[in-house]
Amino acid sequence: MKTVSCTECAAEITPAENTEVGEIIVCPDCGVDLEVVSLEPAAVELAPMEQEDWGE
């Protein structure tokens, strides 16, 4: 997988070779969670926030 840019801070990130669509990666500069949405071309989006269910 090629280098992608963080959607928050524009840092260049090189994901691992075996990264798959739907995988969550963390920006090493700002720490935001990014979801891999495409491999060709390589693209990421902010990962959806998980809601706490508090046992509901």
N, C-alpha and C. Protein backbone atom coordinates (compact mmCIF):
# COMPACT_ATOMS: atom_id res chain seq x y z
N MET A 1 0.86 -1.19 0.00
CA MET A 1 0.00 0.00 0.00
C MET A 1 0.89 1.24 0.00
N LYS A 2 0.46 2.22 -0.75
CA LYS A 2 1.24 3.44 -0.85
C LYS A 2 0.96 4.37 0.32
N THR A 3 1.70 5.45 0.35
CA THR A 3 1.54 6.46 1.40
C THR A 3 0.20 7.16 1.27
N VAL A 4 -0.42 7.45 2.43
CA VAL A 4 -1.67 8.21 2.48
C VAL A 4 -1.45 9.42 3.37
N SER A 5 -2.33 10.41 3.23
CA SER A 5 -2.25 11.60 4.07
C SER A 5 -3.33 11.55 5.14
N CYS A 6 -2.96 11.89 6.37
CA CYS A 6 -3.91 11.97 7.47
C CYS A 6 -4.93 13.06 7.14
N THR A 7 -6.21 12.76 7.37
CA THR A 7 -7.26 13.74 7.07
C THR A 7 -7.32 14.86 8.10
N GLU A 8 -6.66 14.69 9.24
CA GLU A 8 -6.67 15.70 10.29
C GLU A 8 -5.46 16.63 10.22
N CYS A 9 -4.26 16.03 10.12
CA CYS A 9 -3.05 16.86 10.21
C CYS A 9 -2.19 16.83 8.95
N ALA A 10 -2.62 16.08 7.93
CA ALA A 10 -1.92 15.97 6.64
C ALA A 10 -0.58 15.26 6.72
N ALA A 11 -0.31 14.55 7.82
CA ALA A 11 0.94 13.78 7.93
C ALA A 11 0.92 12.65 6.90
N GLU A 12 2.08 12.33 6.37
CA GLU A 12 2.20 11.22 5.43
C GLU A 12 2.34 9.93 6.24
N ILE A 13 1.49 8.94 5.94
CA ILE A 13 1.48 7.67 6.66
C ILE A 13 1.70 6.55 5.65
N THR A 14 2.59 5.61 5.99
CA THR A 14 2.80 4.44 5.16
C THR A 14 2.28 3.22 5.91
N PRO A 15 1.07 2.76 5.57
CA PRO A 15 0.51 1.59 6.25
C PRO A 15 1.32 0.33 5.94
N ALA A 16 1.14 -0.70 6.77
CA ALA A 16 1.82 -1.97 6.57
C ALA A 16 1.40 -2.58 5.23
N GLU A 17 2.26 -3.42 4.67
CA GLU A 17 2.00 -4.05 3.38
C GLU A 17 0.71 -4.86 3.37
N ASN A 18 0.36 -5.49 4.51
CA ASN A 18 -0.81 -6.36 4.55
C ASN A 18 -2.08 -5.65 5.04
N THR A 19 -2.09 -4.32 5.00
CA THR A 19 -3.26 -3.55 5.41
C THR A 19 -4.42 -3.82 4.46
N GLU A 20 -5.63 -3.98 5.02
CA GLU A 20 -6.81 -4.28 4.22
C GLU A 20 -7.86 -3.18 4.36
N VAL A 21 -8.80 -3.13 3.41
CA VAL A 21 -9.91 -2.19 3.48
C VAL A 21 -10.72 -2.48 4.75
N GLY A 22 -11.10 -1.42 5.45
CA GLY A 22 -11.86 -1.56 6.69
C GLY A 22 -10.98 -1.58 7.93
N GLU A 23 -9.68 -1.70 7.75
CA GLU A 23 -8.76 -1.73 8.88
C GLU A 23 -8.58 -0.32 9.44
N ILE A 24 -8.37 -0.23 10.74
CA ILE A 24 -8.14 1.05 11.41
C ILE A 24 -6.64 1.23 11.62
N ILE A 25 -6.12 2.37 11.20
CA ILE A 25 -4.72 2.71 11.46
C ILE A 25 -4.70 4.00 12.28
N VAL A 26 -3.61 4.22 12.99
CA VAL A 26 -3.50 5.41 13.84
C VAL A 26 -2.42 6.32 13.26
N CYS A 27 -2.75 7.60 13.15
CA CYS A 27 -1.77 8.58 12.67
C CYS A 27 -0.67 8.72 13.72
N PRO A 28 0.59 8.53 13.33
CA PRO A 28 1.68 8.66 14.30
C PRO A 28 1.92 10.09 14.76
N ASP A 29 1.44 11.09 14.02
CA ASP A 29 1.65 12.48 14.40
C ASP A 29 0.59 13.01 15.35
N CYS A 30 -0.71 12.82 14.98
CA CYS A 30 -1.77 13.41 15.80
C CYS A 30 -2.58 12.38 16.59
N GLY A 31 -2.41 11.08 16.29
CA GLY A 31 -3.06 10.03 17.06
C GLY A 31 -4.49 9.74 16.68
N VAL A 32 -5.02 10.36 15.62
CA VAL A 32 -6.41 10.11 15.22
C VAL A 32 -6.52 8.72 14.58
N ASP A 33 -7.68 8.07 14.78
CA ASP A 33 -7.95 6.78 14.15
C ASP A 33 -8.46 7.01 12.73
N LEU A 34 -7.87 6.30 11.77
CA LEU A 34 -8.25 6.42 10.37
C LEU A 34 -8.65 5.05 9.84
N GLU A 35 -9.72 5.01 9.06
CA GLU A 35 -10.16 3.76 8.46
C GLU A 35 -9.71 3.71 7.01
N VAL A 36 -9.12 2.60 6.61
CA VAL A 36 -8.70 2.40 5.22
C VAL A 36 -9.96 2.13 4.40
N VAL A 37 -10.25 3.00 3.43
CA VAL A 37 -11.46 2.86 2.62
C VAL A 37 -11.18 2.39 1.20
N SER A 38 -9.91 2.43 0.79
CA SER A 38 -9.55 1.99 -0.56
C SER A 38 -8.06 1.66 -0.58
N LEU A 39 -7.70 0.65 -1.40
CA LEU A 39 -6.29 0.31 -1.56
C LEU A 39 -5.73 0.81 -2.87
N GLU A 40 -6.55 0.87 -3.91
CA GLU A 40 -6.12 1.35 -5.22
C GLU A 40 -7.12 2.36 -5.75
N PRO A 41 -6.94 3.64 -5.62
CA PRO A 41 -5.79 4.27 -4.94
C PRO A 41 -5.95 4.19 -3.42
N ALA A 42 -4.84 4.28 -2.74
CA ALA A 42 -4.85 4.25 -1.27
C ALA A 42 -5.59 5.47 -0.74
N ALA A 43 -6.55 5.21 0.18
CA ALA A 43 -7.33 6.32 0.74
C ALA A 43 -7.79 5.97 2.15
N VAL A 44 -7.85 6.98 3.01
CA VAL A 44 -8.33 6.81 4.38
C VAL A 44 -9.34 7.89 4.71
N GLU A 45 -10.21 7.60 5.69
CA GLU A 45 -11.17 8.57 6.22
C GLU A 45 -11.10 8.48 7.73
N LEU A 46 -11.63 9.48 8.41
CA LEU A 46 -11.74 9.40 9.87
C LEU A 46 -12.55 8.17 10.23
N ALA A 47 -12.06 7.40 11.18
CA ALA A 47 -12.79 6.21 11.61
C ALA A 47 -14.04 6.62 12.36
N PRO A 48 -15.12 5.88 12.19
CA PRO A 48 -16.34 6.22 12.94
C PRO A 48 -16.12 6.04 14.43
N MET A 49 -16.71 6.93 15.21
CA MET A 49 -16.57 6.84 16.66
C MET A 49 -17.48 5.75 17.18
N GLU A 50 -16.95 4.89 18.05
CA GLU A 50 -17.78 3.84 18.64
C GLU A 50 -18.54 4.43 19.81
N GLN A 51 -19.83 4.15 19.85
CA GLN A 51 -20.67 4.64 20.93
C GLN A 51 -20.63 3.66 22.10
N GLU A 52 -20.56 4.18 23.30
CA GLU A 52 -20.64 3.34 24.50
C GLU A 52 -22.08 2.96 24.72
N ASP A 53 -22.34 1.67 24.97
CA ASP A 53 -23.74 1.27 25.19
C ASP A 53 -24.07 1.18 26.67
N TRP A 54 -23.07 1.21 27.53
CA TRP A 54 -23.26 1.20 28.97
C TRP A 54 -24.22 0.11 29.42
N GLY A 55 -24.15 -1.05 28.74
CA GLY A 55 -24.96 -2.18 29.15
C GLY A 55 -26.41 -2.13 28.72
N GLU A 56 -26.74 -1.20 27.83
CA GLU A 56 -28.14 -1.07 27.39
C GLU A 56 -28.51 -2.18 26.44
